[in-house]
C-alpha atoms as a PDB file:
ATOM      1  CA  MET A   1     -22.161  23.234  -2.088  1.00  0.00           C
ATOM      2  CA  ALA A   2     -21.490  24.456   1.494  1.00  0.00           C
ATOM      3  CA  SER A   3     -20.035  21.319   2.927  1.00  0.00           C
ATOM      4  CA  ALA A   4     -19.223  17.940   1.274  1.00  0.00           C
ATOM      5  CA  PRO A   5     -20.843  15.211   1.819  1.00  0.00           C
ATOM      6  CA  SER A   6     -19.865  11.862   3.966  1.00  0.00           C
ATOM      7  CA  SER A   7     -19.201   8.494   2.585  1.00  0.00           C
ATOM      8  CA  THR A   8     -20.836   6.665   5.646  1.00  0.00           C
ATOM      9  CA  GLY A   9     -23.130   3.724   4.807  1.00  0.00           C
ATOM     10  CA  GLU A  10     -24.094   2.300   1.132  1.00  0.00           C
ATOM     11  CA  LEU A  11     -22.228   4.172  -1.441  1.00  0.00           C
ATOM     12  CA  PRO A  12     -24.797   6.107  -4.086  1.00  0.00           C
ATOM     13  CA  ARG A  13     -25.223   3.789  -7.045  1.00  0.00           C
ATOM     14  CA  THR A  14     -26.923   4.835 -10.269  1.00  0.00           C
ATOM     15  CA  GLY A  15     -25.987   1.738 -12.248  1.00  0.00           C
ATOM     16  CA  GLY A  16     -26.803   3.609 -15.412  1.00  0.00           C
ATOM     17  CA  PRO A  17     -25.251   6.013 -17.695  1.00  0.00           C
ATOM     18  CA  HIS A  18     -27.854   8.421 -16.950  1.00  0.00           C
ATOM     19  CA  LEU A  19     -27.135  11.407 -14.665  1.00  0.00           C
ATOM     20  CA  PRO A  20     -29.585  10.983 -11.795  1.00  0.00           C
ATOM     21  CA  ASP A  21     -31.952  13.628 -11.694  1.00  0.00           C
ATOM     22  CA  THR A  22     -30.816  14.938  -8.359  1.00  0.00           C
ATOM     23  CA  ALA A  23     -27.636  16.152  -9.891  1.00  0.00           C
ATOM     24  CA  ARG A  24     -26.810  20.073  -9.103  1.00  0.00           C
ATOM     25  CA  HIS A  25     -22.882  20.293  -9.291  1.00  0.00           C
ATOM     26  CA  LEU A  26     -21.113  18.622 -12.116  1.00  0.00           C
ATOM     27  CA  VAL A  27     -17.345  18.557 -11.253  1.00  0.00           C
ATOM     28  CA  LYS A  28     -14.570  17.280 -13.086  1.00  0.00           C
ATOM     29  CA  ILE A  29     -11.564  16.081 -11.224  1.00  0.00           C
ATOM     30  CA  LEU A  30      -8.418  14.395 -12.266  1.00  0.00           C
ATOM     31  CA  VAL A  31      -7.038  11.439 -10.239  1.00  0.00           C
ATOM     32  CA  THR A  32      -3.229  11.405 -10.931  1.00  0.00           C
ATOM     33  CA  GLY A  33      -0.214  10.269  -9.677  1.00  0.00           C
ATOM     34  CA  PRO A  34       2.896   8.312 -10.576  1.00  0.00           C
ATOM     35  CA  PHE A  35       2.706   5.175 -12.490  1.00  0.00           C
ATOM     36  CA  GLY A  36       1.412   2.141 -11.025  1.00  0.00           C
ATOM     37  CA  VAL A  37       0.222   4.422  -7.961  1.00  0.00           C
ATOM     38  CA  GLY A  38      -3.367   2.744  -8.276  1.00  0.00           C
ATOM     39  CA  LYS A  39      -4.934   5.641 -10.380  1.00  0.00           C
ATOM     40  CA  THR A  40      -7.263   3.079 -12.242  1.00  0.00           C
ATOM     41  CA  THR A  41      -7.761   0.738  -9.405  1.00  0.00           C
ATOM     42  CA  LEU A  42      -9.357   3.768  -7.431  1.00  0.00           C
ATOM     43  CA  ILE A  43     -11.604   4.665 -10.185  1.00  0.00           C
ATOM     44  CA  ASP A  44     -12.950   1.512 -10.870  1.00  0.00           C
ATOM     45  CA  SER A  45     -13.773   1.008  -6.781  1.00  0.00           C
ATOM     46  CA  VAL A  46     -15.747   4.214  -6.704  1.00  0.00           C
ATOM     47  CA  SER A  47     -17.403   4.623 -10.379  1.00  0.00           C
ATOM     48  CA  GLU A  48     -21.203   4.185 -10.726  1.00  0.00           C
ATOM     49  CA  ILE A  49     -20.952   3.401 -14.431  1.00  0.00           C
ATOM     50  CA  ARG A  50     -18.895   0.877 -16.110  1.00  0.00           C
ATOM     51  CA  PRO A  51     -15.298   2.359 -16.016  1.00  0.00           C
ATOM     52  CA  LEU A  52     -14.180   3.721 -19.695  1.00  0.00           C
ATOM     53  CA  HIS A  53     -10.358   2.701 -19.676  1.00  0.00           C
ATOM     54  CA  THR A  54      -7.537   2.908 -22.135  1.00  0.00           C
ATOM     55  CA  GLU A  55      -4.688   0.277 -21.236  1.00  0.00           C
ATOM     56  CA  GLU A  56      -2.460  -1.712 -22.852  1.00  0.00           C
ATOM     57  CA  ARG A  57      -0.300  -4.372 -21.953  1.00  0.00           C
ATOM     58  CA  LEU A  58       3.318  -3.572 -20.990  1.00  0.00           C
ATOM     59  CA  THR A  59       6.234  -4.757 -23.517  1.00  0.00           C
ATOM     60  CA  GLU A  60       9.638  -5.315 -23.956  1.00  0.00           C
ATOM     61  CA  ALA A  61      10.137  -1.920 -25.253  1.00  0.00           C
ATOM     62  CA  SER A  62       8.288   0.445 -22.932  1.00  0.00           C
ATOM     63  CA  ALA A  63       9.844  -1.563 -19.927  1.00  0.00           C
ATOM     64  CA  GLN A  64      13.086   0.308 -21.433  1.00  0.00           C
ATOM     65  CA  VAL A  65      11.387   3.616 -20.665  1.00  0.00           C
ATOM     66  CA  ASP A  66       9.135   3.463 -18.005  1.00  0.00           C
ATOM     67  CA  GLU A  67      10.624   3.085 -14.177  1.00  0.00           C
ATOM     68  CA  LEU A  68       9.433  -0.302 -12.984  1.00  0.00           C
ATOM     69  CA  ASP A  69      11.523  -0.035  -9.556  1.00  0.00           C
ATOM     70  CA  GLY A  70       8.908  -1.476  -6.946  1.00  0.00           C
ATOM     71  CA  ILE A  71       6.155  -2.182  -9.220  1.00  0.00           C
ATOM     72  CA  ARG A  72       7.628  -5.459 -11.079  1.00  0.00           C
ATOM     73  CA  ASP A  73       4.454  -7.294 -10.777  1.00  0.00           C
ATOM     74  CA  LYS A  74       2.337  -4.400 -13.123  1.00  0.00           C
ATOM     75  CA  GLU A  75       1.073  -5.781 -16.492  1.00  0.00           C
ATOM     76  CA  THR A  76      -0.422  -3.270 -18.042  1.00  0.00           C
ATOM     77  CA  THR A  77      -0.407   0.689 -18.666  1.00  0.00           C
ATOM     78  CA  THR A  78      -2.976   3.509 -19.051  1.00  0.00           C
ATOM     79  CA  VAL A  79      -2.440   4.966 -22.145  1.00  0.00           C
ATOM     80  CA  ALA A  80      -4.644   8.158 -22.133  1.00  0.00           C
ATOM     81  CA  ILE A  81      -7.288   8.146 -19.690  1.00  0.00           C
ATOM     82  CA  ASP A  82      -9.429   6.683 -17.255  1.00  0.00           C
ATOM     83  CA  PHE A  83     -12.811   8.067 -16.900  1.00  0.00           C
ATOM     84  CA  GLY A  84     -15.765   7.012 -14.142  1.00  0.00           C
ATOM     85  CA  ARG A  85     -18.829   8.771 -12.549  1.00  0.00           C
ATOM     86  CA  ILE A  86     -19.950   9.004  -8.699  1.00  0.00           C
ATOM     87  CA  SER A  87     -22.759  10.690  -7.435  1.00  0.00           C
ATOM     88  CA  LEU A  88     -22.464  11.936  -3.985  1.00  0.00           C
ATOM     89  CA  ALA A  89     -24.755  13.054  -1.387  1.00  0.00           C
ATOM     90  CA  GLY A  90     -26.214  17.028  -2.090  1.00  0.00           C
ATOM     91  CA  GLY A  91     -26.681  16.639  -6.007  1.00  0.00           C
ATOM     92  CA  VAL A  92     -22.645  16.558  -5.996  1.00  0.00           C
ATOM     93  CA  VAL A  93     -21.749  14.700  -9.275  1.00  0.00           C
ATOM     94  CA  LEU A  94     -17.697  13.848  -9.536  1.00  0.00           C
ATOM     95  CA  TYR A  95     -16.587  13.202 -13.695  1.00  0.00           C
ATOM     96  CA  LEU A  96     -13.368  11.398 -12.988  1.00  0.00           C
ATOM     97  CA  PHE A  97     -10.205  11.711 -15.013  1.00  0.00           C
ATOM     98  CA  GLY A  98      -7.592   9.080 -14.658  1.00  0.00           C
ATOM     99  CA  THR A  99      -4.081  10.273 -16.030  1.00  0.00           C
ATOM    100  CA  PRO A 100      -1.554   8.450 -17.869  1.00  0.00           C
ATOM    101  CA  GLY A 101       1.503   8.559 -14.788  1.00  0.00           C
ATOM    102  CA  GLN A 102       4.597   8.421 -17.616  1.00  0.00           C
ATOM    103  CA  GLN A 103       6.589  10.928 -18.619  1.00  0.00           C
ATOM    104  CA  ARG A 104       6.386   9.666 -22.139  1.00  0.00           C
ATOM    105  CA  PHE A 105       2.764  10.836 -22.253  1.00  0.00           C
ATOM    106  CA  ARG A 106       3.001  14.416 -20.670  1.00  0.00           C
ATOM    107  CA  THR A 107       2.155  15.558 -24.087  1.00  0.00           C
ATOM    108  CA  LEU A 108      -1.594  14.487 -22.991  1.00  0.00           C
ATOM    109  CA  TRP A 109      -1.719  16.519 -20.257  1.00  0.00           C
ATOM    110  CA  ASP A 110      -3.277  19.743 -20.689  1.00  0.00           C
ATOM    111  CA  ASP A 111      -5.943  18.171 -22.968  1.00  0.00           C
ATOM    112  CA  ILE A 112      -6.790  15.940 -19.875  1.00  0.00           C
ATOM    113  CA  SER A 113      -6.372  18.678 -17.539  1.00  0.00           C
ATOM    114  CA  TYR A 114      -8.605  21.240 -19.597  1.00  0.00           C
ATOM    115  CA  GLY A 115     -11.700  22.170 -17.327  1.00  0.00           C
ATOM    116  CA  ALA A 116     -10.301  20.283 -14.189  1.00  0.00           C
ATOM    117  CA  LEU A 117     -11.543  21.959 -10.661  1.00  0.00           C
ATOM    118  CA  GLY A 118      -8.836  19.981  -8.612  1.00  0.00           C
ATOM    119  CA  ALA A 119      -6.841  16.603  -8.685  1.00  0.00           C
ATOM    120  CA  LEU A 120      -6.227  13.922  -6.340  1.00  0.00           C
ATOM    121  CA  VAL A 121      -2.447  12.985  -6.170  1.00  0.00           C
ATOM    122  CA  LEU A 122      -1.819   9.603  -5.104  1.00  0.00           C
ATOM    123  CA  VAL A 123       1.157   8.978  -4.177  1.00  0.00           C
ATOM    124  CA  ASP A 124       3.180   5.177  -3.354  1.00  0.00           C
ATOM    125  CA  ALA A 125       5.325   5.482   0.188  1.00  0.00           C
ATOM    126  CA  ARG A 126       7.441   3.189  -1.142  1.00  0.00           C
ATOM    127  CA  ARG A 127       8.367   5.724  -4.163  1.00  0.00           C
ATOM    128  CA  ILE A 128       7.659   9.032  -3.147  1.00  0.00           C
ATOM    129  CA  ASP A 129      10.535  10.464  -5.630  1.00  0.00           C
ATOM    130  CA  ALA A 130       8.196   9.333  -8.562  1.00  0.00           C
ATOM    131  CA  SER A 131       5.330  11.373  -7.332  1.00  0.00           C
ATOM    132  CA  PHE A 132       7.566  15.108  -7.894  1.00  0.00           C
ATOM    133  CA  ASP A 133       6.593  15.252 -11.256  1.00  0.00           C
ATOM    134  CA  VAL A 134       3.065  15.214 -11.272  1.00  0.00           C
ATOM    135  CA  LEU A 135       3.049  17.427  -8.310  1.00  0.00           C
ATOM    136  CA  GLY A 136       4.917  19.875 -10.466  1.00  0.00           C
ATOM    137  CA  LEU A 137       2.375  19.225 -13.192  1.00  0.00           C
ATOM    138  CA  VAL A 138      -0.502  20.220 -10.875  1.00  0.00           C
ATOM    139  CA  GLU A 139       0.927  22.824  -9.479  1.00  0.00           C
ATOM    140  CA  GLU A 140       2.027  24.645 -13.350  1.00  0.00           C
ATOM    141  CA  ALA A 141      -1.622  24.281 -13.548  1.00  0.00           C
ATOM    142  CA  GLY A 142      -2.508  25.666 -10.771  1.00  0.00           C
ATOM    143  CA  LEU A 143      -4.864  22.988  -9.735  1.00  0.00           C
ATOM    144  CA  PRO A 144      -5.990  22.819  -6.326  1.00  0.00           C
ATOM    145  CA  TYR A 145      -5.448  19.313  -5.040  1.00  0.00           C
ATOM    146  CA  ALA A 146      -5.241  16.647  -2.124  1.00  0.00           C
ATOM    147  CA  VAL A 147      -2.383  14.116  -1.870  1.00  0.00           C
ATOM    148  CA  ALA A 148      -3.399  10.317  -0.785  1.00  0.00           C
ATOM    149  CA  PHE A 149      -1.060   7.658   0.192  1.00  0.00           C
ATOM    150  CA  ASN A 150      -1.990   4.796  -1.331  1.00  0.00           C
ATOM    151  CA  ALA A 151      -1.683   1.998   1.289  1.00  0.00           C
ATOM    152  CA  PHE A 152      -0.111  -0.761  -0.577  1.00  0.00           C
ATOM    153  CA  PRO A 153       0.613  -4.012   2.126  1.00  0.00           C
ATOM    154  CA  ASP A 154       4.492  -3.055   1.887  1.00  0.00           C
ATOM    155  CA  ALA A 155       4.652   0.533   2.525  1.00  0.00           C
ATOM    156  CA  PRO A 156       6.723   1.760   5.012  1.00  0.00           C
ATOM    157  CA  GLY A 157       4.714   2.310   8.387  1.00  0.00           C
ATOM    158  CA  HIS A 158       7.105   4.399  10.101  1.00  0.00           C
ATOM    159  CA  HIS A 159       6.816   7.794   8.895  1.00  0.00           C
ATOM    160  CA  THR A 160       4.410  10.407  10.505  1.00  0.00           C
ATOM    161  CA  ASP A 161       2.349  12.856   8.951  1.00  0.00           C
ATOM    162  CA  GLU A 162       5.172  15.965   9.378  1.00  0.00           C
ATOM    163  CA  GLN A 163       8.119  13.956   7.965  1.00  0.00           C
ATOM    164  CA  LEU A 164       5.571  12.743   4.693  1.00  0.00           C
ATOM    165  CA  ARG A 165       4.404  16.116   3.894  1.00  0.00           C
ATOM    166  CA  ALA A 166       8.215  17.626   4.523  1.00  0.00           C
ATOM    167  CA  ALA A 167       8.857  14.954   1.823  1.00  0.00           C
ATOM    168  CA  LEU A 168       6.231  16.177  -0.803  1.00  0.00           C
ATOM    169  CA  ASP A 169       6.819  20.050   0.488  1.00  0.00           C
ATOM    170  CA  LEU A 170       3.089  20.394   0.900  1.00  0.00           C
ATOM    171  CA  GLU A 171       1.713  23.679   1.516  1.00  0.00           C
ATOM    172  CA  PRO A 172      -0.176  23.605   5.547  1.00  0.00           C
ATOM    173  CA  GLY A 173      -3.769  24.083   3.673  1.00  0.00           C
ATOM    174  CA  THR A 174      -2.962  20.865   1.592  1.00  0.00           C
ATOM    175  CA  PRO A 175      -4.822  17.582   2.684  1.00  0.00           C
ATOM    176  CA  MET A 176      -2.689  14.191   2.914  1.00  0.00           C
ATOM    177  CA  VAL A 177      -4.689  11.324   3.974  1.00  0.00           C
ATOM    178  CA  THR A 178      -4.143   7.360   3.520  1.00  0.00           C
ATOM    179  CA  CYS A 179      -6.290   5.497   1.320  1.00  0.00           C
ATOM    180  CA  ASP A 180      -6.955   1.961   0.084  1.00  0.00           C
ATOM    181  CA  ALA A 181      -7.772   2.544  -3.524  1.00  0.00           C
ATOM    182  CA  ARG A 182      -9.082  -0.959  -4.109  1.00  0.00           C
ATOM    183  CA  ASP A 183     -11.908  -0.058  -0.970  1.00  0.00           C
ATOM    184  CA  PRO A 184     -15.037   2.207  -2.016  1.00  0.00           C
ATOM    185  CA  HIS A 185     -15.447   3.748   1.060  1.00  0.00           C
ATOM    186  CA  SER A 186     -11.687   4.296   1.386  1.00  0.00           C
ATOM    187  CA  SER A 187     -11.381   5.353  -1.896  1.00  0.00           C
ATOM    188  CA  VAL A 188     -14.644   7.968  -1.549  1.00  0.00           C
ATOM    189  CA  ASP A 189     -13.133   9.624   1.643  1.00  0.00           C
ATOM    190  CA  ALA A 190     -10.174  10.720  -0.194  1.00  0.00           C
ATOM    191  CA  LEU A 191     -12.337  12.055  -2.561  1.00  0.00           C
ATOM    192  CA  LEU A 192     -14.265  14.021  -0.472  1.00  0.00           C
ATOM    193  CA  ALA A 193     -11.079  15.393   1.345  1.00  0.00           C
ATOM    194  CA  LEU A 194     -10.572  17.134  -1.924  1.00  0.00           C
ATOM    195  CA  VAL A 195     -14.132  18.042  -2.586  1.00  0.00           C
ATOM    196  CA  GLN A 196     -14.041  19.612   1.258  1.00  0.00           C
ATOM    197  CA  HIS A 197     -10.752  21.379   0.360  1.00  0.00           C
ATOM    198  CA  LEU A 198     -12.198  23.036  -3.136  1.00  0.00           C
ATOM    199  CA  ILE A 199     -15.107  24.376  -1.487  1.00  0.00           C
ATOM    200  CA  ASP A 200     -13.115  25.884   1.489  1.00  0.00           C
ATOM    201  CA  ASP A 201     -10.767  27.737  -1.195  1.00  0.00           C
ATOM    202  CA  ARG A 202     -14.213  29.250  -2.595  1.00  0.00           C
ATOM    203  CA  PRO A 203     -14.868  33.070  -2.082  1.00  0.00           C
ATOM    204  CA  ALA A 204     -17.328  33.242   0.913  1.00  0.00           C
ATOM    205  CA  GLU A 205     -20.074  34.608  -1.427  1.00  0.00           C
ATOM    206  CA  ALA A 206     -19.597  31.720  -4.007  1.00  0.00           C
ATOM    207  CA  ARG A 207     -20.429  29.267  -1.803  1.00  0.00           C
END
């Protein structure tokens, strides 16, 4: 894993549940972020296998405890995990574990994050404050991470990168990108930013 592969061209699709013969590096990655930020959508867009979802319909009862400001059209929510897999060039296989975004599912965090090498944190520029709790969990777990702003159509476009970094209090070396979780290439590029960050953070003798 000397450097992250590129997403240029067609995405690799094995089409079946079995690992490709070229698999050399198996990497568990968290896809995390607040409620309604697009985690399930991103995993759907890139997974080469049929994704596993644990979604349930939102009810009037859940609306009393889940923050729906800015996402009133959302009808379902992940209650355990999303899971997908993507094979990249160079024998790199990412196992993608999507986490629930609500505070009431925080007890699942330790189990889902166990063994992960890093996290892609999705952020909604319309609701930046909603990301603070998740970023806190990732940092408490000691996971390297990258931040991807999911490009919602009505997201504000007047913020500079410096303003967004300051709003999230990101370290200078933390990758920050914009992606469209619906678009496979855009989503893979966000994942590649994280993979490259993981490679760069490894001790030189382990590369």
